[in-house]
């Protein structure tokens, strides 16, 4: 079962139990990742890393906020390589979102990739 990470981070996927859900799209991504087999989790993590260069700044920011999941699945080296590869898209001021803690998306990405 493959998931569409872009659709999840874009708010197009509802949580499994909408009446008992407290969270955001990152939490919905966690829900969607949980039942996947290893191959589908790897695919989802690669989709997430691709979104680090997305034209939509909000989606790019949600991808950054979700990086811990990619690190858990792919390992830090692959995630760091993706961050480096998307440096020009990440070395910017992020949108004003309550979960963003750092002055640039690049710094936020480094933090999220290495925090557990």
PDB file of N, CA and C in Angstrom:
ATOM      1  N   UNK A   1       0.850  -1.184   0.000  1.00  0.00           N
ATOM      2  CA  UNK A   1       0.000   0.000   0.000  1.00  0.00           C
ATOM      3  C   UNK A   1       0.889   1.238   0.000  1.00  0.00           C
ATOM      4  N   UNK A   2       0.901   1.958  -1.079  1.00  0.00           N
ATOM      5  CA  UNK A   2       1.687   3.177  -1.181  1.00  0.00           C
ATOM      6  C   UNK A   2       0.839   4.363  -0.726  1.00  0.00           C
ATOM      7  N   UNK A   3       1.477   5.320  -0.050  1.00  0.00           N
ATOM      8  CA  UNK A   3       0.776   6.531   0.365  1.00  0.00           C
ATOM      9  C   UNK A   3       1.314   7.715  -0.433  1.00  0.00           C
ATOM     10  N   UNK A   4       0.521   8.765  -0.507  1.00  0.00           N
ATOM     11  CA  UNK A   4       0.909   9.996  -1.193  1.00  0.00           C
ATOM     12  C   UNK A   4       1.279  11.026  -0.125  1.00  0.00           C
ATOM     13  N   UNK A   5       2.565  11.142   0.150  1.00  0.00           N
ATOM     14  CA  UNK A   5       3.039  12.018   1.220  1.00  0.00           C
ATOM     15  C   UNK A   5       2.672  13.473   0.931  1.00  0.00           C
ATOM     16  N   UNK A   6       2.755  13.883  -0.319  1.00  0.00           N
ATOM     17  CA  UNK A   6       2.403  15.271  -0.669  1.00  0.00           C
ATOM     18  C   UNK A   6       0.946  15.566  -0.303  1.00  0.00           C
ATOM     19  N   UNK A   7       0.052  14.643  -0.641  1.00  0.00           N
ATOM     20  CA  UNK A   7      -1.370  14.834  -0.323  1.00  0.00           C
ATOM     21  C   UNK A   7      -1.585  14.906   1.195  1.00  0.00           C
ATOM     22  N   UNK A   8      -0.858  14.081   1.943  1.00  0.00           N
ATOM     23  CA  UNK A   8      -0.993  14.098   3.402  1.00  0.00           C
ATOM     24  C   UNK A   8      -0.551  15.451   3.952  1.00  0.00           C
ATOM     25  N   UNK A   9       0.645  15.905   3.556  1.00  0.00           N
ATOM     26  CA  UNK A   9       1.167  17.171   4.087  1.00  0.00           C
ATOM     27  C   UNK A   9       0.393  18.377   3.565  1.00  0.00           C
ATOM     28  N   UNK A  10      -0.353  18.187   2.476  1.00  0.00           N
ATOM     29  CA  UNK A  10      -1.187  19.255   1.920  1.00  0.00           C
ATOM     30  C   UNK A  10      -2.578  19.281   2.566  1.00  0.00           C
ATOM     31  N   UNK A  11      -2.796  18.400   3.541  1.00  0.00           N
ATOM     32  CA  UNK A  11      -4.069  18.406   4.253  1.00  0.00           C
ATOM     33  C   UNK A  11      -5.198  17.713   3.523  1.00  0.00           C
ATOM     34  N   UNK A  12      -4.890  16.894   2.535  1.00  0.00           N
ATOM     35  CA  UNK A  12      -5.918  16.219   1.750  1.00  0.00           C
ATOM     36  C   UNK A  12      -6.289  14.842   2.295  1.00  0.00           C
ATOM     37  N   UNK A  13      -5.605  14.395   3.350  1.00  0.00           N
ATOM     38  CA  UNK A  13      -5.879  13.091   3.952  1.00  0.00           C
ATOM     39  C   UNK A  13      -6.374  13.312   5.377  1.00  0.00           C
ATOM     40  N   UNK A  14      -7.482  12.674   5.696  1.00  0.00           N
ATOM     41  CA  UNK A  14      -8.081  12.809   7.019  1.00  0.00           C
ATOM     42  C   UNK A  14      -7.484  11.782   7.974  1.00  0.00           C
ATOM     43  N   UNK A  15      -7.471  12.093   9.267  1.00  0.00           N
ATOM     44  CA  UNK A  15      -7.013  11.100  10.243  1.00  0.00           C
ATOM     45  C   UNK A  15      -7.972   9.911  10.279  1.00  0.00           C
ATOM     46  N   UNK A  16      -7.506   8.792  10.788  1.00  0.00           N
ATOM     47  CA  UNK A  16      -8.335   7.584  10.833  1.00  0.00           C
ATOM     48  C   UNK A  16      -9.584   7.782  11.674  1.00  0.00           C
ATOM     49  N   UNK A  17      -9.471   8.466  12.800  1.00  0.00           N
ATOM     50  CA  UNK A  17     -10.636   8.732  13.645  1.00  0.00           C
ATOM     51  C   UNK A  17     -10.748  10.249  13.841  1.00  0.00           C
ATOM     52  N   UNK A  18     -11.521  10.873  12.973  1.00  0.00           N
ATOM     53  CA  UNK A  18     -11.610  12.344  12.991  1.00  0.00           C
ATOM     54  C   UNK A  18     -12.239  12.865  14.272  1.00  0.00           C
ATOM     55  N   UNK A  19     -12.987  12.042  14.975  1.00  0.00           N
ATOM     56  CA  UNK A  19     -13.680  12.494  16.191  1.00  0.00           C
ATOM     57  C   UNK A  19     -12.781  12.426  17.426  1.00  0.00           C
ATOM     58  N   UNK A  20     -11.683  11.708  17.322  1.00  0.00           N
ATOM     59  CA  UNK A  20     -10.790  11.549  18.473  1.00  0.00           C
ATOM     60  C   UNK A  20      -9.361  11.919  18.080  1.00  0.00           C
ATOM     61  N   UNK A  21      -9.211  12.938  17.241  1.00  0.00           N
ATOM     62  CA  UNK A  21      -7.891  13.282  16.709  1.00  0.00           C
ATOM     63  C   UNK A  21      -7.475  14.656  17.185  1.00  0.00           C
ATOM     64  N   UNK A  22      -6.283  14.725  17.738  1.00  0.00           N
ATOM     65  CA  UNK A  22      -5.691  16.004  18.105  1.00  0.00           C
ATOM     66  C   UNK A  22      -4.304  15.994  17.484  1.00  0.00           C
ATOM     67  N   UNK A  23      -4.069  16.845  16.506  1.00  0.00           N
ATOM     68  CA  UNK A  23      -2.771  16.874  15.857  1.00  0.00           C
ATOM     69  C   UNK A  23      -2.827  17.657  14.569  1.00  0.00           C
ATOM     70  N   UNK A  24      -1.829  17.419  13.746  1.00  0.00           N
ATOM     71  CA  UNK A  24      -1.725  18.118  12.472  1.00  0.00           C
ATOM     72  C   UNK A  24      -1.321  17.122  11.394  1.00  0.00           C
ATOM     73  N   UNK A  25      -0.898  17.619  10.255  1.00  0.00           N
ATOM     74  CA  UNK A  25      -0.585  16.737   9.126  1.00  0.00           C
ATOM     75  C   UNK A  25       0.610  15.824   9.415  1.00  0.00           C
ATOM     76  N   UNK A  26       1.519  16.250  10.278  1.00  0.00           N
ATOM     77  CA  UNK A  26       2.646  15.395  10.657  1.00  0.00           C
ATOM     78  C   UNK A  26       2.132  14.180  11.429  1.00  0.00           C
ATOM     79  N   UNK A  27       1.156  14.397  12.280  1.00  0.00           N
ATOM     80  CA  UNK A  27       0.555  13.292  13.024  1.00  0.00           C
ATOM     81  C   UNK A  27      -0.229  12.363  12.091  1.00  0.00           C
ATOM     82  N   UNK A  28      -0.880  12.926  11.100  1.00  0.00           N
ATOM     83  CA  UNK A  28      -1.579  12.102  10.106  1.00  0.00           C
ATOM     84  C   UNK A  28      -0.560  11.287   9.316  1.00  0.00           C
ATOM     85  N   UNK A  29       0.584  11.885   8.981  1.00  0.00           N
ATOM     86  CA  UNK A  29       1.643  11.141   8.301  1.00  0.00           C
ATOM     87  C   UNK A  29       2.088   9.964   9.160  1.00  0.00           C
ATOM     88  N   UNK A  30       2.271  10.178  10.456  1.00  0.00           N
ATOM     89  CA  UNK A  30       2.639   9.084  11.358  1.00  0.00           C
ATOM     90  C   UNK A  30       1.603   7.963  11.303  1.00  0.00           C
ATOM     91  N   UNK A  31       0.342   8.339  11.331  1.00  0.00           N
ATOM     92  CA  UNK A  31      -0.746   7.362  11.252  1.00  0.00           C
ATOM     93  C   UNK A  31      -0.673   6.556   9.958  1.00  0.00           C
ATOM     94  N   UNK A  32      -0.414   7.245   8.866  1.00  0.00           N
ATOM     95  CA  UNK A  32      -0.387   6.593   7.555  1.00  0.00           C
ATOM     96  C   UNK A  32       0.847   5.701   7.390  1.00  0.00           C
ATOM     97  N   UNK A  33       1.954   6.065   8.036  1.00  0.00           N
ATOM     98  CA  UNK A  33       3.179   5.271   7.941  1.00  0.00           C
ATOM     99  C   UNK A  33       3.101   3.979   8.754  1.00  0.00           C
ATOM    100  N   UNK A  34       2.368   4.013   9.833  1.00  0.00           N
ATOM    101  CA  UNK A  34       2.359   2.905  10.784  1.00  0.00           C
ATOM    102  C   UNK A  34       2.077   1.534  10.161  1.00  0.00           C
ATOM    103  N   UNK A  35       1.041   1.374   9.334  1.00  0.00           N
ATOM    104  CA  UNK A  35       0.751   0.020   8.834  1.00  0.00           C
ATOM    105  C   UNK A  35       1.582  -0.407   7.617  1.00  0.00           C
ATOM    106  N   UNK A  36       2.434   0.464   7.107  1.00  0.00           N
ATOM    107  CA  UNK A  36       3.160   0.161   5.879  1.00  0.00           C
ATOM    108  C   UNK A  36       4.257  -0.873   6.084  1.00  0.00           C
ATOM    109  N   UNK A  37       4.522  -1.633   5.031  1.00  0.00           N
ATOM    110  CA  UNK A  37       5.673  -2.532   5.075  1.00  0.00           C
ATOM    111  C   UNK A  37       6.932  -1.710   4.799  1.00  0.00           C
ATOM    112  N   UNK A  38       8.078  -2.336   4.934  1.00  0.00           N
ATOM    113  CA  UNK A  38       9.351  -1.622   4.834  1.00  0.00           C
ATOM    114  C   UNK A  38       9.535  -0.935   3.482  1.00  0.00           C
ATOM    115  N   UNK A  39       9.200  -1.602   2.384  1.00  0.00           N
ATOM    116  CA  UNK A  39       9.367  -1.007   1.049  1.00  0.00           C
ATOM    117  C   UNK A  39       8.513   0.249   0.888  1.00  0.00           C
ATOM    118  N   UNK A  40       7.273   0.195   1.364  1.00  0.00           N
ATOM    119  CA  UNK A  40       6.394   1.361   1.252  1.00  0.00           C
ATOM    120  C   UNK A  40       6.837   2.492   2.178  1.00  0.00           C
ATOM    121  N   UNK A  41       7.389   2.153   3.333  1.00  0.00           N
ATOM    122  CA  UNK A  41       7.930   3.181   4.238  1.00  0.00           C
ATOM    123  C   UNK A  41       9.133   3.882   3.583  1.00  0.00           C
ATOM    124  N   UNK A  42       9.972   3.106   2.923  1.00  0.00           N
ATOM    125  CA  UNK A  42      11.128   3.681   2.216  1.00  0.00           C
ATOM    126  C   UNK A  42      10.646   4.603   1.103  1.00  0.00           C
ATOM    127  N   UNK A  43       9.631   4.174   0.352  1.00  0.00           N
ATOM    128  CA  UNK A  43       9.063   5.014  -0.705  1.00  0.00           C
ATOM    129  C   UNK A  43       8.521   6.320  -0.124  1.00  0.00           C
ATOM    130  N   UNK A  44       7.799   6.223   0.983  1.00  0.00           N
ATOM    131  CA  UNK A  44       7.236   7.420   1.623  1.00  0.00           C
ATOM    132  C   UNK A  44       8.344   8.355   2.097  1.00  0.00           C
ATOM    133  N   UNK A  45       9.404   7.797   2.651  1.00  0.00           N
ATOM    134  CA  UNK A  45      10.526   8.628   3.116  1.00  0.00           C
ATOM    135  C   UNK A  45      11.186   9.346   1.947  1.00  0.00           C
ATOM    136  N   UNK A  46      11.328   8.671   0.819  1.00  0.00           N
ATOM    137  CA  UNK A  46      11.901   9.326  -0.363  1.00  0.00           C
ATOM    138  C   UNK A  46      10.975  10.430  -0.890  1.00  0.00           C
ATOM    139  N   UNK A  47       9.666  10.183  -0.854  1.00  0.00           N
ATOM    140  CA  UNK A  47       8.718  11.235  -1.243  1.00  0.00           C
ATOM    141  C   UNK A  47       8.899  12.458  -0.343  1.00  0.00           C
ATOM    142  N   UNK A  48       9.048  12.202   0.946  1.00  0.00           N
ATOM    143  CA  UNK A  48       9.230  13.285   1.910  1.00  0.00           C
ATOM    144  C   UNK A  48      10.488  14.089   1.596  1.00  0.00           C
ATOM    145  N   UNK A  49      11.587  13.400   1.310  1.00  0.00           N
ATOM    146  CA  UNK A  49      12.834  14.097   0.985  1.00  0.00           C
ATOM    147  C   UNK A  49      12.700  14.913  -0.296  1.00  0.00           C
ATOM    148  N   UNK A  50      11.959  14.400  -1.272  1.00  0.00           N
ATOM    149  CA  UNK A  50      11.726  15.165  -2.509  1.00  0.00           C
ATOM    150  C   UNK A  50      10.985  16.466  -2.240  1.00  0.00           C
ATOM    151  N   UNK A  51      10.106  16.457  -1.242  1.00  0.00           N
ATOM    152  CA  UNK A  51       9.328  17.656  -0.917  1.00  0.00           C
ATOM    153  C   UNK A  51      10.172  18.769  -0.307  1.00  0.00           C
ATOM    154  N   UNK A  52      11.413  18.466   0.073  1.00  0.00           N
ATOM    155  CA  UNK A  52      12.303  19.523   0.578  1.00  0.00           C
ATOM    156  C   UNK A  52      12.609  20.563  -0.490  1.00  0.00           C
ATOM    157  N   UNK A  53      12.377  20.226  -1.743  1.00  0.00           N
ATOM    158  CA  UNK A  53      12.587  21.168  -2.833  1.00  0.00           C
ATOM    159  C   UNK A  53      11.294  21.623  -3.492  1.00  0.00           C
ATOM    160  N   UNK A  54      10.160  21.368  -2.861  1.00  0.00           N
ATOM    161  CA  UNK A  54       8.865  21.714  -3.444  1.00  0.00           C
ATOM    162  C   UNK A  54       8.703  23.217  -3.601  1.00  0.00           C
ATOM    163  N   UNK A  55       7.978  23.630  -4.626  1.00  0.00           N
ATOM    164  CA  UNK A  55       7.719  25.055  -4.865  1.00  0.00           C
ATOM    165  C   UNK A  55       6.817  25.671  -3.798  1.00  0.00           C
ATOM    166  N   UNK A  56       5.958  24.864  -3.202  1.00  0.00           N
ATOM    167  CA  UNK A  56       5.034  25.342  -2.176  1.00  0.00           C
ATOM    168  C   UNK A  56       5.783  25.424  -0.840  1.00  0.00           C
ATOM    169  N   UNK A  57       6.004  26.630  -0.352  1.00  0.00           N
ATOM    170  CA  UNK A  57       6.784  26.843   0.865  1.00  0.00           C
ATOM    171  C   UNK A  57       6.157  26.177   2.082  1.00  0.00           C
ATOM    172  N   UNK A  58       4.850  26.153   2.168  1.00  0.00           N
ATOM    173  CA  UNK A  58       4.198  25.521   3.311  1.00  0.00           C
ATOM    174  C   UNK A  58       4.424  24.008   3.272  1.00  0.00           C
ATOM    175  N   UNK A  59       4.266  23.392   2.107  1.00  0.00           N
ATOM    176  CA  UNK A  59       4.540  21.954   1.984  1.00  0.00           C
ATOM    177  C   UNK A  59       5.998  21.640   2.288  1.00  0.00           C
ATOM    178  N   UNK A  60       6.876  22.470   1.794  1.00  0.00           N
ATOM    179  CA  UNK A  60       8.308  22.298   2.068  1.00  0.00           C
ATOM    180  C   UNK A  60       8.563  22.359   3.573  1.00  0.00           C
ATOM    181  N   UNK A  61       7.889  23.267   4.250  1.00  0.00           N
ATOM    182  CA  UNK A  61       8.058  23.408   5.693  1.00  0.00           C
ATOM    183  C   UNK A  61       7.511  22.184   6.424  1.00  0.00           C
ATOM    184  N   UNK A  62       6.343  21.688   6.016  1.00  0.00           N
ATOM    185  CA  UNK A  62       5.814  20.469   6.635  1.00  0.00           C
ATOM    186  C   UNK A  62       6.768  19.302   6.408  1.00  0.00           C
ATOM    187  N   UNK A  63       7.395  19.241   5.248  1.00  0.00           N
ATOM    188  CA  UNK A  63       8.375  18.177   4.987  1.00  0.00           C
ATOM    189  C   UNK A  63       9.551  18.291   5.958  1.00  0.00           C
ATOM    190  N   UNK A  64      10.014  19.509   6.170  1.00  0.00           N
ATOM    191  CA  UNK A  64      11.103  19.724   7.134  1.00  0.00           C
ATOM    192  C   UNK A  64      10.660  19.281   8.527  1.00  0.00           C
ATOM    193  N   UNK A  65       9.462  19.644   8.915  1.00  0.00           N
ATOM    194  CA  UNK A  65       8.966  19.288  10.244  1.00  0.00           C
ATOM    195  C   UNK A  65       8.780  17.782  10.406  1.00  0.00           C
ATOM    196  N   UNK A  66       8.751  17.055   9.308  1.00  0.00           N
ATOM    197  CA  UNK A  66       8.555  15.602   9.325  1.00  0.00           C
ATOM    198  C   UNK A  66       9.847  14.815   9.154  1.00  0.00           C
ATOM    199  N   UNK A  67      10.969  15.482   9.093  1.00  0.00           N
ATOM    200  CA  UNK A  67      12.225  14.810   8.742  1.00  0.00           C
ATOM    201  C   UNK A  67      12.642  13.693   9.692  1.00  0.00           C
ATOM    202  N   UNK A  68      12.266  13.762  10.932  1.00  0.00           N
ATOM    203  CA  UNK A  68      12.629  12.698  11.872  1.00  0.00           C
ATOM    204  C   UNK A  68      12.147  11.345  11.359  1.00  0.00           C
ATOM    205  N   UNK A  69      10.985  11.320  10.717  1.00  0.00           N
ATOM    206  CA  UNK A  69      10.448  10.068  10.188  1.00  0.00           C
ATOM    207  C   UNK A  69      11.349   9.514   9.092  1.00  0.00           C
ATOM    208  N   UNK A  70      11.809  10.379   8.211  1.00  0.00           N
ATOM    209  CA  UNK A  70      12.715   9.930   7.143  1.00  0.00           C
ATOM    210  C   UNK A  70      14.026   9.424   7.726  1.00  0.00           C
ATOM    211  N   UNK A  71      14.522  10.094   8.758  1.00  0.00           N
ATOM    212  CA  UNK A  71      15.763   9.658   9.395  1.00  0.00           C
ATOM    213  C   UNK A  71      15.584   8.269  10.007  1.00  0.00           C
ATOM    214  N   UNK A  72      14.457   8.042  10.656  1.00  0.00           N
ATOM    215  CA  UNK A  72      14.191   6.729  11.255  1.00  0.00           C
ATOM    216  C   UNK A  72      14.147   5.625  10.206  1.00  0.00           C
ATOM    217  N   UNK A  73      13.653   5.947   9.023  1.00  0.00           N
ATOM    218  CA  UNK A  73      13.474   4.943   7.969  1.00  0.00           C
ATOM    219  C   UNK A  73      14.742   4.766   7.138  1.00  0.00           C
ATOM    220  N   UNK A  74      15.366   5.880   6.748  1.00  0.00           N
ATOM    221  CA  UNK A  74      16.483   5.835   5.795  1.00  0.00           C
ATOM    222  C   UNK A  74      17.859   5.985   6.434  1.00  0.00           C
ATOM    223  N   UNK A  75      17.904   6.565   7.610  1.00  0.00           N
ATOM    224  CA  UNK A  75      19.180   6.839   8.256  1.00  0.00           C
ATOM    225  C   UNK A  75      19.620   8.265   8.013  1.00  0.00           C
ATOM    226  N   UNK A  76      20.474   8.742   8.893  1.00  0.00           N
ATOM    227  CA  UNK A  76      20.888  10.145   8.883  1.00  0.00           C
ATOM    228  C   UNK A  76      21.686  10.516   7.639  1.00  0.00           C
ATOM    229  N   UNK A  77      22.517   9.620   7.133  1.00  0.00           N
ATOM    230  CA  UNK A  77      23.360   9.969   5.980  1.00  0.00           C
ATOM    231  C   UNK A  77      22.529  10.332   4.753  1.00  0.00           C
ATOM    232  N   UNK A  78      21.511   9.540   4.464  1.00  0.00           N
ATOM    233  CA  UNK A  78      20.673   9.823   3.294  1.00  0.00           C
ATOM    234  C   UNK A  78      19.868  11.109   3.492  1.00  0.00           C
ATOM    235  N   UNK A  79      19.395  11.321   4.690  1.00  0.00           N
ATOM    236  CA  UNK A  79      18.633  12.545   4.971  1.00  0.00           C
ATOM    237  C   UNK A  79      19.545  13.772   4.890  1.00  0.00           C
ATOM    238  N   UNK A  80      20.735  13.688   5.447  1.00  0.00           N
ATOM    239  CA  UNK A  80      21.690  14.806   5.372  1.00  0.00           C
ATOM    240  C   UNK A  80      22.049  15.104   3.913  1.00  0.00           C
ATOM    241  N   UNK A  81      22.205  14.072   3.106  1.00  0.00           N
ATOM    242  CA  UNK A  81      22.505  14.277   1.683  1.00  0.00           C
ATOM    243  C   UNK A  81      21.347  15.010   0.995  1.00  0.00           C
ATOM    244  N   UNK A  82      20.123  14.658   1.349  1.00  0.00           N
ATOM    245  CA  UNK A  82      18.956  15.339   0.766  1.00  0.00           C
ATOM    246  C   UNK A  82      18.891  16.797   1.214  1.00  0.00           C
ATOM    247  N   UNK A  83      19.172  17.043   2.487  1.00  0.00           N
ATOM    248  CA  UNK A  83      19.182  18.422   2.987  1.00  0.00           C
ATOM    249  C   UNK A  83      20.232  19.227   2.233  1.00  0.00           C
ATOM    250  N   UNK A  84      21.410  18.672   2.073  1.00  0.00           N
ATOM    251  CA  UNK A  84      22.476  19.353   1.329  1.00  0.00           C
ATOM    252  C   UNK A  84      22.056  19.586  -0.117  1.00  0.00           C
ATOM    253  N   UNK A  85      21.432  18.598  -0.721  1.00  0.00           N
ATOM    254  CA  UNK A  85      20.989  18.722  -2.110  1.00  0.00           C
ATOM    255  C   UNK A  85      19.914  19.771  -2.315  1.00  0.00           C
ATOM    256  N   UNK A  86      19.143  20.037  -1.283  1.00  0.00           N
ATOM    257  CA  UNK A  86      18.056  21.030  -1.364  1.00  0.00           C
ATOM    258  C   UNK A  86      18.407  22.310  -0.616  1.00  0.00           C
ATOM    259  N   UNK A  87      19.673  22.510  -0.352  1.00  0.00           N
ATOM    260  CA  UNK A  87      20.125  23.656   0.440  1.00  0.00           C
ATOM    261  C   UNK A  87      19.555  24.987  -0.063  1.00  0.00           C
ATOM    262  N   UNK A  88      19.545  25.184  -1.377  1.00  0.00           N
ATOM    263  CA  UNK A  88      19.053  26.464  -1.919  1.00  0.00           C
ATOM    264  C   UNK A  88      17.574  26.674  -1.620  1.00  0.00           C
ATOM    265  N   UNK A  89      16.805  25.596  -1.472  1.00  0.00           N
ATOM    266  CA  UNK A  89      15.383  25.705  -1.152  1.00  0.00           C
ATOM    267  C   UNK A  89      15.135  25.841   0.347  1.00  0.00           C
ATOM    268  N   UNK A  90      16.151  25.495   1.133  1.00  0.00           N
ATOM    269  CA  UNK A  90      15.977  25.481   2.580  1.00  0.00           C
ATOM    270  C   UNK A  90      16.650  26.651   3.299  1.00  0.00           C
ATOM    271  N   UNK A  91      17.584  27.291   2.647  1.00  0.00           N
ATOM    272  CA  UNK A  91      18.313  28.385   3.287  1.00  0.00           C
ATOM    273  C   UNK A  91      17.526  29.686   3.155  1.00  0.00           C
ATOM    274  N   UNK A  92      16.312  29.662   3.696  1.00  0.00           N
ATOM    275  CA  UNK A  92      15.379  30.791   3.615  1.00  0.00           C
ATOM    276  C   UNK A  92      14.628  30.919   4.938  1.00  0.00           C
ATOM    277  N   UNK A  93      14.019  32.061   5.124  1.00  0.00           N
ATOM    278  CA  UNK A  93      13.160  32.261   6.287  1.00  0.00           C
ATOM    279  C   UNK A  93      11.891  31.438   6.103  1.00  0.00           C
ATOM    280  N   UNK A  94      11.516  30.657   7.102  1.00  0.00           N
ATOM    281  CA  UNK A  94      10.313  29.828   6.977  1.00  0.00           C
ATOM    282  C   UNK A  94       9.048  30.661   7.162  1.00  0.00           C
ATOM    283  N   UNK A  95       7.915  30.082   6.763  1.00  0.00           N
ATOM    284  CA  UNK A  95       6.648  30.768   7.059  1.00  0.00           C
ATOM    285  C   UNK A  95       6.415  30.755   8.566  1.00  0.00           C
ATOM    286  N   UNK A  96       5.561  31.612   9.027  1.00  0.00           N
ATOM    287  CA  UNK A  96       5.258  31.724  10.454  1.00  0.00           C
ATOM    288  C   UNK A  96       4.335  30.570  10.858  1.00  0.00           C
ATOM    289  N   UNK A  97       4.945  29.488  11.310  1.00  0.00           N
ATOM    290  CA  UNK A  97       4.189  28.314  11.757  1.00  0.00           C
ATOM    291  C   UNK A  97       4.638  27.990  13.177  1.00  0.00           C
ATOM    292  N   UNK A  98       3.706  27.646  14.034  1.00  0.00           N
ATOM    293  CA  UNK A  98       4.002  27.489  15.459  1.00  0.00           C
ATOM    294  C   UNK A  98       5.058  26.432  15.750  1.00  0.00           C
ATOM    295  N   UNK A  99       5.224  25.429  14.924  1.00  0.00           N
ATOM    296  CA  UNK A  99       6.182  24.361  15.222  1.00  0.00           C
ATOM    297  C   UNK A  99       7.600  24.676  14.771  1.00  0.00           C
ATOM    298  N   UNK A 100       7.772  25.694  13.940  1.00  0.00           N
ATOM    299  CA  UNK A 100       9.104  26.047  13.448  1.00  0.00           C
ATOM    300  C   UNK A 100       9.845  26.819  14.529  1.00  0.00           C
ATOM    301  N   UNK A 101      11.056  26.360  14.857  1.00  0.00           N
ATOM    302  CA  UNK A 101      11.803  26.935  15.961  1.00  0.00           C
ATOM    303  C   UNK A 101      13.059  27.691  15.536  1.00  0.00           C
ATOM    304  N   UNK A 102      13.483  27.563  14.294  1.00  0.00           N
ATOM    305  CA  UNK A 102      14.762  28.124  13.857  1.00  0.00           C
ATOM    306  C   UNK A 102      14.561  29.204  12.793  1.00  0.00           C
ATOM    307  N   UNK A 103      15.546  30.086  12.623  1.00  0.00           N
ATOM    308  CA  UNK A 103      15.383  31.228  11.716  1.00  0.00           C
ATOM    309  C   UNK A 103      15.396  30.877  10.223  1.00  0.00           C
ATOM    310  N   UNK A 104      15.924  29.706   9.860  1.00  0.00           N
ATOM    311  CA  UNK A 104      15.866  29.279   8.453  1.00  0.00           C
ATOM    312  C   UNK A 104      15.359  27.843   8.395  1.00  0.00           C
ATOM    313  N   UNK A 105      14.804  27.476   7.255  1.00  0.00           N
ATOM    314  CA  UNK A 105      14.377  26.084   7.073  1.00  0.00           C
ATOM    315  C   UNK A 105      15.565  25.137   7.094  1.00  0.00           C
ATOM    316  N   UNK A 106      16.725  25.605   6.638  1.00  0.00           N
ATOM    317  CA  UNK A 106      17.928  24.782   6.650  1.00  0.00           C
ATOM    318  C   UNK A 106      18.296  24.403   8.096  1.00  0.00           C
ATOM    319  N   UNK A 107      18.313  25.379   8.982  1.00  0.00           N
ATOM    320  CA  UNK A 107      18.619  25.095  10.383  1.00  0.00           C
ATOM    321  C   UNK A 107      17.547  24.201  11.010  1.00  0.00           C
ATOM    322  N   UNK A 108      16.303  24.452  10.666  1.00  0.00           N
ATOM    323  CA  UNK A 108      15.212  23.620  11.169  1.00  0.00           C
ATOM    324  C   UNK A 108      15.367  22.182  10.655  1.00  0.00           C
ATOM    325  N   UNK A 109      15.743  22.037   9.397  1.00  0.00           N
ATOM    326  CA  UNK A 109      15.931  20.708   8.816  1.00  0.00           C
ATOM    327  C   UNK A 109      17.042  19.955   9.535  1.00  0.00           C
ATOM    328  N   UNK A 110      18.149  20.620   9.779  1.00  0.00           N
ATOM    329  CA  UNK A 110      19.271  19.983  10.494  1.00  0.00           C
ATOM    330  C   UNK A 110      18.808  19.532  11.886  1.00  0.00           C
ATOM    331  N   UNK A 111      18.083  20.394  12.558  1.00  0.00           N
ATOM    332  CA  UNK A 111      17.578  20.072  13.891  1.00  0.00           C
ATOM    333  C   UNK A 111      16.618  18.889  13.843  1.00  0.00           C
ATOM    334  N   UNK A 112      15.657  18.934  12.932  1.00  0.00           N
ATOM    335  CA  UNK A 112      14.636  17.876  12.853  1.00  0.00           C
ATOM    336  C   UNK A 112      15.235  16.545  12.445  1.00  0.00           C
ATOM    337  N   UNK A 113      16.218  16.562  11.571  1.00  0.00           N
ATOM    338  CA  UNK A 113      16.826  15.313  11.105  1.00  0.00           C
ATOM    339  C   UNK A 113      17.596  14.612  12.213  1.00  0.00           C
ATOM    340  N   UNK A 114      18.131  15.400  13.148  1.00  0.00           N
ATOM    341  CA  UNK A 114      18.983  14.808  14.170  1.00  0.00           C
ATOM    342  C   UNK A 114      18.318  14.678  15.531  1.00  0.00           C
ATOM    343  N   UNK A 115      17.108  15.215  15.697  1.00  0.00           N
ATOM    344  CA  UNK A 115      16.432  15.119  16.997  1.00  0.00           C
ATOM    345  C   UNK A 115      15.588  13.851  17.045  1.00  0.00           C
ATOM    346  N   UNK A 116      15.473  13.311  18.220  1.00  0.00           N
ATOM    347  CA  UNK A 116      14.658  12.103  18.377  1.00  0.00           C
ATOM    348  C   UNK A 116      13.584  12.302  19.413  1.00  0.00           C
TER     349      UNK A 116
END
